[in-house]
C-alpha atoms as a PDB file:
ATOM      1  CA  GLY A   1      30.820  13.557  -6.889  1.00  0.00           C
ATOM      2  CA  SER A   2      31.498  12.280  -3.414  1.00  0.00           C
ATOM      3  CA  ARG A   3      28.458  14.120  -2.017  1.00  0.00           C
ATOM      4  CA  GLN A   4      26.029  11.863  -3.891  1.00  0.00           C
ATOM      5  CA  ARG A   5      23.865   9.587  -1.754  1.00  0.00           C
ATOM      6  CA  LEU A   6      24.884   5.978  -2.117  1.00  0.00           C
ATOM      7  CA  LYS A   7      22.237   3.343  -2.747  1.00  0.00           C
ATOM      8  CA  ALA A   8      22.184  -0.436  -3.205  1.00  0.00           C
ATOM      9  CA  GLY A   9      22.853  -0.212  -6.970  1.00  0.00           C
ATOM     10  CA  ASP A  10      26.227   1.465  -6.361  1.00  0.00           C
ATOM     11  CA  PHE A  11      27.799  -1.742  -4.999  1.00  0.00           C
ATOM     12  CA  ASP A  12      28.853  -5.035  -6.648  1.00  0.00           C
ATOM     13  CA  ALA A  13      26.211  -7.763  -7.095  1.00  0.00           C
ATOM     14  CA  THR A  14      26.945  -9.819  -3.963  1.00  0.00           C
ATOM     15  CA  THR A  15      27.248  -6.776  -1.730  1.00  0.00           C
ATOM     16  CA  LYS A  16      24.072  -5.380  -3.278  1.00  0.00           C
ATOM     17  CA  ASP A  17      22.103  -8.560  -2.502  1.00  0.00           C
ATOM     18  CA  ILE A  18      23.326  -8.549   1.081  1.00  0.00           C
ATOM     19  CA  LEU A  19      22.529  -4.850   1.445  1.00  0.00           C
ATOM     20  CA  VAL A  20      18.963  -5.382   0.209  1.00  0.00           C
ATOM     21  CA  ALA A  21      18.452  -8.197   2.758  1.00  0.00           C
ATOM     22  CA  ALA A  22      20.199  -6.204   5.522  1.00  0.00           C
ATOM     23  CA  ASN A  23      17.928  -3.202   4.849  1.00  0.00           C
ATOM     24  CA  SER A  24      14.840  -5.386   5.320  1.00  0.00           C
ATOM     25  CA  ILE A  25      16.175  -7.127   8.418  1.00  0.00           C
ATOM     26  CA  PHE A  26      17.190  -3.776   9.896  1.00  0.00           C
ATOM     27  CA  ARG A  27      13.666  -2.412   9.309  1.00  0.00           C
ATOM     28  CA  CYS A  28      12.281  -5.448  11.187  1.00  0.00           C
ATOM     29  CA  LEU A  29      14.715  -4.922  14.062  1.00  0.00           C
ATOM     30  CA  ILE A  30      13.963  -1.198  14.283  1.00  0.00           C
ATOM     31  CA  VAL A  31      10.164  -1.593  14.444  1.00  0.00           C
ATOM     32  CA  THR A  32      10.302  -4.475  16.929  1.00  0.00           C
ATOM     33  CA  GLN A  33      13.138  -3.234  19.170  1.00  0.00           C
ATOM     34  CA  ALA A  34      13.798   0.495  18.872  1.00  0.00           C
ATOM     35  CA  PRO A  35      11.399   2.485  16.644  1.00  0.00           C
ATOM     36  CA  PHE A  36      12.975   5.663  18.066  1.00  0.00           C
ATOM     37  CA  PRO A  37      16.543   4.659  18.921  1.00  0.00           C
ATOM     38  CA  ASP A  38      17.897   6.589  21.916  1.00  0.00           C
ATOM     39  CA  THR A  39      21.354   6.898  20.397  1.00  0.00           C
ATOM     40  CA  VAL A  40      23.184   6.297  17.135  1.00  0.00           C
ATOM     41  CA  LEU A  41      24.971   3.534  19.027  1.00  0.00           C
ATOM     42  CA  VAL A  42      21.705   1.602  19.470  1.00  0.00           C
ATOM     43  CA  GLU A  43      20.901   2.079  15.789  1.00  0.00           C
ATOM     44  CA  THR A  44      24.388   1.034  14.683  1.00  0.00           C
ATOM     45  CA  LYS A  45      24.245  -2.096  16.840  1.00  0.00           C
ATOM     46  CA  LEU A  46      20.992  -3.138  15.118  1.00  0.00           C
ATOM     47  CA  ALA A  47      22.474  -2.345  11.691  1.00  0.00           C
ATOM     48  CA  LYS A  48      25.481  -4.571  12.451  1.00  0.00           C
ATOM     49  CA  GLU A  49      23.165  -7.349  13.600  1.00  0.00           C
ATOM     50  CA  ALA A  50      21.129  -7.013  10.389  1.00  0.00           C
ATOM     51  CA  TRP A  51      24.307  -7.117   8.283  1.00  0.00           C
ATOM     52  CA  ARG A  52      25.566 -10.247  10.065  1.00  0.00           C
ATOM     53  CA  GLU A  53      22.207 -11.931   9.600  1.00  0.00           C
ATOM     54  CA  ALA A  54      22.096 -10.968   5.901  1.00  0.00           C
ATOM     55  CA  CYS A  55      25.613 -12.380   5.341  1.00  0.00           C
ATOM     56  CA  ASN A  56      24.507 -15.660   6.932  1.00  0.00           C
ATOM     57  CA  ILE A  57      21.817 -16.219   4.301  1.00  0.00           C
ATOM     58  CA  PRO A  58      24.261 -16.902   1.407  1.00  0.00           C
ATOM     59  CA  GLY A  59      27.003 -17.811   3.916  1.00  0.00           C
ATOM     60  CA  VAL A  60      29.495 -15.135   2.878  1.00  0.00           C
ATOM     61  CA  SER A  61      31.534 -12.676   4.860  1.00  0.00           C
ATOM     62  CA  ILE A  62      31.586  -9.106   3.574  1.00  0.00           C
ATOM     63  CA  LYS A  63      32.781  -6.197   5.663  1.00  0.00           C
ATOM     64  CA  LEU A  64      30.230  -3.596   6.681  1.00  0.00           C
ATOM     65  CA  THR A  65      31.864  -0.364   5.514  1.00  0.00           C
ATOM     66  CA  PRO A  66      30.867   3.126   6.744  1.00  0.00           C
ATOM     67  CA  SER A  67      29.187   3.860   3.415  1.00  0.00           C
ATOM     68  CA  LEU A  68      27.096   0.658   3.613  1.00  0.00           C
ATOM     69  CA  LEU A  69      26.217   1.449   7.220  1.00  0.00           C
ATOM     70  CA  LYS A  70      24.994   4.897   6.142  1.00  0.00           C
ATOM     71  CA  VAL A  71      22.608   3.359   3.590  1.00  0.00           C
ATOM     72  CA  ILE A  72      21.162   0.978   6.196  1.00  0.00           C
ATOM     73  CA  LEU A  73      20.693   3.681   8.855  1.00  0.00           C
ATOM     74  CA  ARG A  74      18.515   5.722   6.491  1.00  0.00           C
ATOM     75  CA  ARG A  75      15.849   3.010   6.859  1.00  0.00           C
ATOM     76  CA  THR A  76      14.915   4.140  10.376  1.00  0.00           C
ATOM     77  CA  SER A  77      12.999   7.205   9.253  1.00  0.00           C
ATOM     78  CA  HIS A  78      11.953   5.482   5.991  1.00  0.00           C
ATOM     79  CA  VAL A  79      10.095   2.678   7.757  1.00  0.00           C
ATOM     80  CA  ARG A  80       8.290   5.110  10.104  1.00  0.00           C
ATOM     81  CA  GLY A  81       7.312   7.312   7.153  1.00  0.00           C
ATOM     82  CA  GLU A  82       6.059   4.327   5.171  1.00  0.00           C
ATOM     83  CA  LEU A  83       3.852   3.218   8.052  1.00  0.00           C
ATOM     84  CA  LYS A  84       2.388   6.713   8.413  1.00  0.00           C
ATOM     85  CA  THR A  85       1.628   6.884   4.667  1.00  0.00           C
ATOM     86  CA  LYS A  86      -0.092   3.492   4.744  1.00  0.00           C
ATOM     87  CA  MET A  87      -2.135   4.415   7.826  1.00  0.00           C
ATOM     88  CA  ARG A  88      -3.318   7.782   6.503  1.00  0.00           C
ATOM     89  CA  SER A  89      -6.266   6.764   4.311  1.00  0.00           C
ATOM     90  CA  LEU A  90      -7.039   3.737   6.512  1.00  0.00           C
ATOM     91  CA  THR A  91      -7.446   5.982   9.559  1.00  0.00           C
ATOM     92  CA  ALA A  92      -9.532   8.600   7.726  1.00  0.00           C
ATOM     93  CA  SER A  93     -11.988   6.057   6.317  1.00  0.00           C
ATOM     94  CA  PHE A  94     -12.104   3.986   9.524  1.00  0.00           C
ATOM     95  CA  PHE A  95     -13.215   6.922  11.690  1.00  0.00           C
ATOM     96  CA  GLY A  96     -15.118   8.785   8.978  1.00  0.00           C
ATOM     97  CA  PHE A  97     -13.034  11.933   8.494  1.00  0.00           C
ATOM     98  CA  ARG A  98     -14.169  13.747   5.342  1.00  0.00           C
ATOM     99  CA  SER A  99     -12.493  16.311   3.118  1.00  0.00           C
ATOM    100  CA  SER A 100     -14.887  19.184   2.544  1.00  0.00           C
ATOM    101  CA  GLY A 101     -15.036  22.970   2.534  1.00  0.00           C
ATOM    102  CA  SER A 102     -18.353  22.871   4.414  1.00  0.00           C
ATOM    103  CA  LYS A 103     -18.160  24.535   7.822  1.00  0.00           C
ATOM    104  CA  GLU A 104     -20.333  21.787   9.307  1.00  0.00           C
ATOM    105  CA  VAL A 105     -18.044  18.965   8.049  1.00  0.00           C
ATOM    106  CA  ILE A 106     -14.942  20.860   9.198  1.00  0.00           C
ATOM    107  CA  ARG A 107     -16.492  21.204  12.673  1.00  0.00           C
ATOM    108  CA  GLN A 108     -17.396  17.481  12.731  1.00  0.00           C
ATOM    109  CA  ASN A 109     -13.823  16.544  11.745  1.00  0.00           C
ATOM    110  CA  ARG A 110     -12.389  18.797  14.448  1.00  0.00           C
ATOM    111  CA  ASP A 111     -14.717  17.405  17.133  1.00  0.00           C
ATOM    112  CA  LEU A 112     -14.025  13.849  16.015  1.00  0.00           C
ATOM    113  CA  ALA A 113     -10.235  14.355  16.190  1.00  0.00           C
ATOM    114  CA  GLU A 114     -10.581  15.844  19.653  1.00  0.00           C
ATOM    115  CA  SER A 115     -12.795  12.992  20.942  1.00  0.00           C
ATOM    116  CA  LEU A 116     -10.505  10.298  19.516  1.00  0.00           C
ATOM    117  CA  LYS A 117      -7.413  11.838  21.093  1.00  0.00           C
ATOM    118  CA  GLU A 118      -8.980  12.225  24.536  1.00  0.00           C
ATOM    119  CA  GLY A 119      -7.533   9.446  26.699  1.00  0.00           C
ATOM    120  CA  SER A 120      -6.385   7.667  23.506  1.00  0.00           C
ATOM    121  CA  ARG A 121      -9.980   6.625  22.746  1.00  0.00           C
ATOM    122  CA  PHE A 122      -8.880   5.638  19.231  1.00  0.00           C
ATOM    123  CA  ALA A 123      -7.161   2.552  20.725  1.00  0.00           C
ATOM    124  CA  PHE A 124     -10.484   1.094  21.941  1.00  0.00           C
ATOM    125  CA  LYS A 125     -12.781  -1.262  20.022  1.00  0.00           C
ATOM    126  CA  ASP A 126     -15.743   0.868  21.107  1.00  0.00           C
ATOM    127  CA  TRP A 127     -14.096   4.251  21.290  1.00  0.00           C
ATOM    128  CA  GLU A 128     -17.277   6.093  22.227  1.00  0.00           C
ATOM    129  CA  GLY A 129     -17.936   3.775  25.194  1.00  0.00           C
ATOM    130  CA  LYS A 130     -14.194   3.355  25.893  1.00  0.00           C
ATOM    131  CA  SER A 131     -14.291  -0.441  26.046  1.00  0.00           C
ATOM    132  CA  GLY A 132     -12.046  -3.068  24.503  1.00  0.00           C
ATOM    133  CA  ILE A 133      -8.639  -1.394  24.922  1.00  0.00           C
ATOM    134  CA  TYR A 134      -6.235  -2.274  22.062  1.00  0.00           C
ATOM    135  CA  LYS A 135      -9.027  -4.224  20.358  1.00  0.00           C
ATOM    136  CA  THR A 136      -9.667  -1.672  17.603  1.00  0.00           C
ATOM    137  CA  GLU A 137      -9.750  -3.343  14.190  1.00  0.00           C
ATOM    138  CA  LEU A 138      -7.712  -0.436  12.850  1.00  0.00           C
ATOM    139  CA  LEU A 139      -4.686  -1.735  14.766  1.00  0.00           C
ATOM    140  CA  GLN A 140      -4.950  -5.150  13.100  1.00  0.00           C
ATOM    141  CA  MET A 141      -5.570  -3.517   9.698  1.00  0.00           C
ATOM    142  CA  GLY A 142      -2.435  -1.411  10.167  1.00  0.00           C
ATOM    143  CA  VAL A 143      -0.312  -4.390  11.158  1.00  0.00           C
ATOM    144  CA  ASN A 144      -1.588  -6.365   8.145  1.00  0.00           C
ATOM    145  CA  ILE A 145      -1.132  -3.630   5.555  1.00  0.00           C
ATOM    146  CA  MET A 146       2.379  -2.848   6.774  1.00  0.00           C
ATOM    147  CA  TRP A 147       3.823  -6.319   7.336  1.00  0.00           C
ATOM    148  CA  PHE A 148       1.517  -9.131   6.226  1.00  0.00           C
ATOM    149  CA  THR A 149      -0.272  -8.236   2.972  1.00  0.00           C
ATOM    150  CA  ASN A 150       1.605 -10.422   0.495  1.00  0.00           C
ATOM    151  CA  ARG A 151       4.176 -13.186   0.682  1.00  0.00           C
ATOM    152  CA  ASN A 152       7.091 -10.827   0.023  1.00  0.00           C
ATOM    153  CA  ASP A 153       6.222  -8.608   2.972  1.00  0.00           C
ATOM    154  CA  GLU A 154       8.727  -8.413   5.816  1.00  0.00           C
ATOM    155  CA  GLY A 155       6.365  -9.928   8.392  1.00  0.00           C
ATOM    156  CA  ILE A 156       6.140 -13.076   6.282  1.00  0.00           C
ATOM    157  CA  VAL A 157       9.700 -13.306   4.922  1.00  0.00           C
ATOM    158  CA  TYR A 158      11.262 -12.457   8.301  1.00  0.00           C
ATOM    159  CA  HIS A 159       8.455 -13.799  10.518  1.00  0.00           C
ATOM    160  CA  LYS A 160      10.795 -14.665  13.403  1.00  0.00           C
ATOM    161  CA  TYR A 161      11.052 -10.959  14.258  1.00  0.00           C
ATOM    162  CA  PHE A 162       7.263 -10.658  14.532  1.00  0.00           C
ATOM    163  CA  ASN A 163       6.520 -13.804  16.477  1.00  0.00           C
ATOM    164  CA  PRO A 164       5.398 -12.960  19.082  1.00  0.00           C
ATOM    165  CA  PHE A 165       4.272  -9.528  17.890  1.00  0.00           C
ATOM    166  CA  ARG A 166       6.059  -7.051  20.129  1.00  0.00           C
ATOM    167  CA  ALA A 167       4.745  -4.112  22.132  1.00  0.00           C
ATOM    168  CA  GLU A 168       7.265  -1.843  20.355  1.00  0.00           C
ATOM    169  CA  ALA A 169       5.626  -2.453  16.976  1.00  0.00           C
ATOM    170  CA  ILE A 170       2.090  -2.104  18.386  1.00  0.00           C
ATOM    171  CA  ALA A 171       3.069   1.215  20.014  1.00  0.00           C
ATOM    172  CA  LEU A 172       4.505   2.367  16.691  1.00  0.00           C
ATOM    173  CA  VAL A 173       1.225   1.620  14.862  1.00  0.00           C
ATOM    174  CA  LEU A 174      -0.765   3.388  17.615  1.00  0.00           C
ATOM    175  CA  MET A 175       1.504   6.389  17.257  1.00  0.00           C
ATOM    176  CA  ALA A 176       1.020   6.405  13.468  1.00  0.00           C
ATOM    177  CA  ILE A 177      -2.773   6.344  13.981  1.00  0.00           C
ATOM    178  CA  GLU A 178      -2.481   9.247  16.415  1.00  0.00           C
ATOM    179  CA  CYS A 179      -0.382  11.223  13.947  1.00  0.00           C
ATOM    180  CA  CYS A 180      -3.004  10.619  11.217  1.00  0.00           C
ATOM    181  CA  ILE A 181      -5.731  11.880  13.595  1.00  0.00           C
ATOM    182  CA  ASP A 182      -3.571  14.951  14.361  1.00  0.00           C
ATOM    183  CA  GLU A 183      -3.731  15.787  10.641  1.00  0.00           C
ATOM    184  CA  TRP A 184      -7.462  16.490  11.092  1.00  0.00           C
ATOM    185  CA  ALA A 185      -7.123  18.586  14.276  1.00  0.00           C
ATOM    186  CA  THR A 186      -8.212  21.818  12.558  1.00  0.00           C
ATOM    187  CA  GLY A 187     -11.046  20.088  10.686  1.00  0.00           C
ATOM    188  CA  LEU A 188      -9.185  20.359   7.393  1.00  0.00           C
ATOM    189  CA  LYS A 189      -6.591  17.752   6.542  1.00  0.00           C
ATOM    190  CA  GLU A 190      -3.060  19.067   6.981  1.00  0.00           C
ATOM    191  CA  ASP A 191       0.187  17.195   6.577  1.00  0.00           C
ATOM    192  CA  VAL A 192       1.773  16.623   9.979  1.00  0.00           C
ATOM    193  CA  LYS A 193       5.411  15.610   9.862  1.00  0.00           C
ATOM    194  CA  PHE A 194       6.101  12.323  11.591  1.00  0.00           C
ATOM    195  CA  SER A 195       9.222  13.691  13.253  1.00  0.00           C
ATOM    196  CA  ALA A 196      11.135  12.059  16.079  1.00  0.00           C
ATOM    197  CA  ALA A 197      11.166  15.382  17.937  1.00  0.00           C
ATOM    198  CA  THR A 198       7.359  15.491  18.091  1.00  0.00           C
ATOM    199  CA  TYR A 199       6.383  11.841  18.154  1.00  0.00           C
ATOM    200  CA  SER A 200       9.021   9.921  20.098  1.00  0.00           C
ATOM    201  CA  SER A 201       7.305  10.977  23.358  1.00  0.00           C
ATOM    202  CA  VAL A 202       3.913   9.910  21.924  1.00  0.00           C
ATOM    203  CA  TYR A 203       5.470   6.545  21.065  1.00  0.00           C
ATOM    204  CA  SER A 204       6.910   6.220  24.589  1.00  0.00           C
ATOM    205  CA  SER A 205       3.576   6.901  26.274  1.00  0.00           C
ATOM    206  CA  HIS A 206       1.832   4.254  24.106  1.00  0.00           C
ATOM    207  CA  PHE A 207       4.655   1.818  24.782  1.00  0.00           C
ATOM    208  CA  ASP A 208       4.465   2.395  28.563  1.00  0.00           C
ATOM    209  CA  SER A 209       0.677   1.947  28.547  1.00  0.00           C
ATOM    210  CA  LEU A 210       1.013  -1.289  26.580  1.00  0.00           C
ATOM    211  CA  ARG A 211       3.604  -2.563  29.026  1.00  0.00           C
ATOM    212  CA  ARG A 212       1.347  -1.799  32.006  1.00  0.00           C
ATOM    213  CA  PHE A 213      -1.542  -3.465  30.204  1.00  0.00           C
ATOM    214  CA  GLU A 214       0.611  -6.525  29.534  1.00  0.00           C
ATOM    215  CA  GLU A 215       1.621  -6.760  33.205  1.00  0.00           C
ATOM    216  CA  ARG A 216      -1.978  -6.451  34.425  1.00  0.00           C
ATOM    217  CA  THR A 217      -3.318  -9.025  31.985  1.00  0.00           C
ATOM    218  CA  ALA A 218      -0.357 -11.424  31.991  1.00  0.00           C
ATOM    219  CA  ALA A 219      -2.362 -14.175  33.679  1.00  0.00           C
ATOM    220  CA  TYR A 220      -4.945 -14.077  30.877  1.00  0.00           C
ATOM    221  CA  LYS A 221      -2.449 -13.830  28.031  1.00  0.00           C
ATOM    222  CA  LEU A 222      -4.651 -11.097  26.545  1.00  0.00           C
ATOM    223  CA  PHE A 223      -1.662  -9.404  24.996  1.00  0.00           C
ATOM    224  CA  ASP A 224      -0.949 -12.382  22.726  1.00  0.00           C
ATOM    225  CA  LYS A 225      -4.464 -12.094  21.354  1.00  0.00           C
ATOM    226  CA  ILE A 226      -4.191  -8.453  20.312  1.00  0.00           C
END
């Protein structure tokens, strides 16, 4: 019936190809410009831009209908969720969180989560000594696994959106790491929903810190080396 969710396969071949490309371009635009769009208007503007760009590839002109727009807009939460899923085991193994029923291990996990969260220590290369801000290898690992693992990945196919790599996307990865650490807050791993209501403010604080860092280090171009 009409209440079914539309997907790419429900459209004719040309439209379907453009929709697939537009979905990918939109995901690139979201993560590099507005990971938590302030309004539907912002999101819709990026979706229209992605659709235009996707139509340019084969050089055709197909109208972006409301039903096509709906399919594209679903990618906003999809791309954030995908990043969180990819970061989950990376974060646990990187910091040494362990699943166990042992009271001692549970306590260690809880203490570790607390230490890492304090002053965003997890963003430092040496998080115990708090040195090397934004130099943690986990950040680079996250960026690679999400966008640059194989030649079909969005960071490679649509590299223009990631060159230079923007503060918005770095803040998004930092927020995903923080969310994965939050899952260990009790010492036992619990699924924490990556919701906009909870995490858009976490994203904003990482983004603001990155911006301040960029301003302070502009002369050294440190930000480009992250």
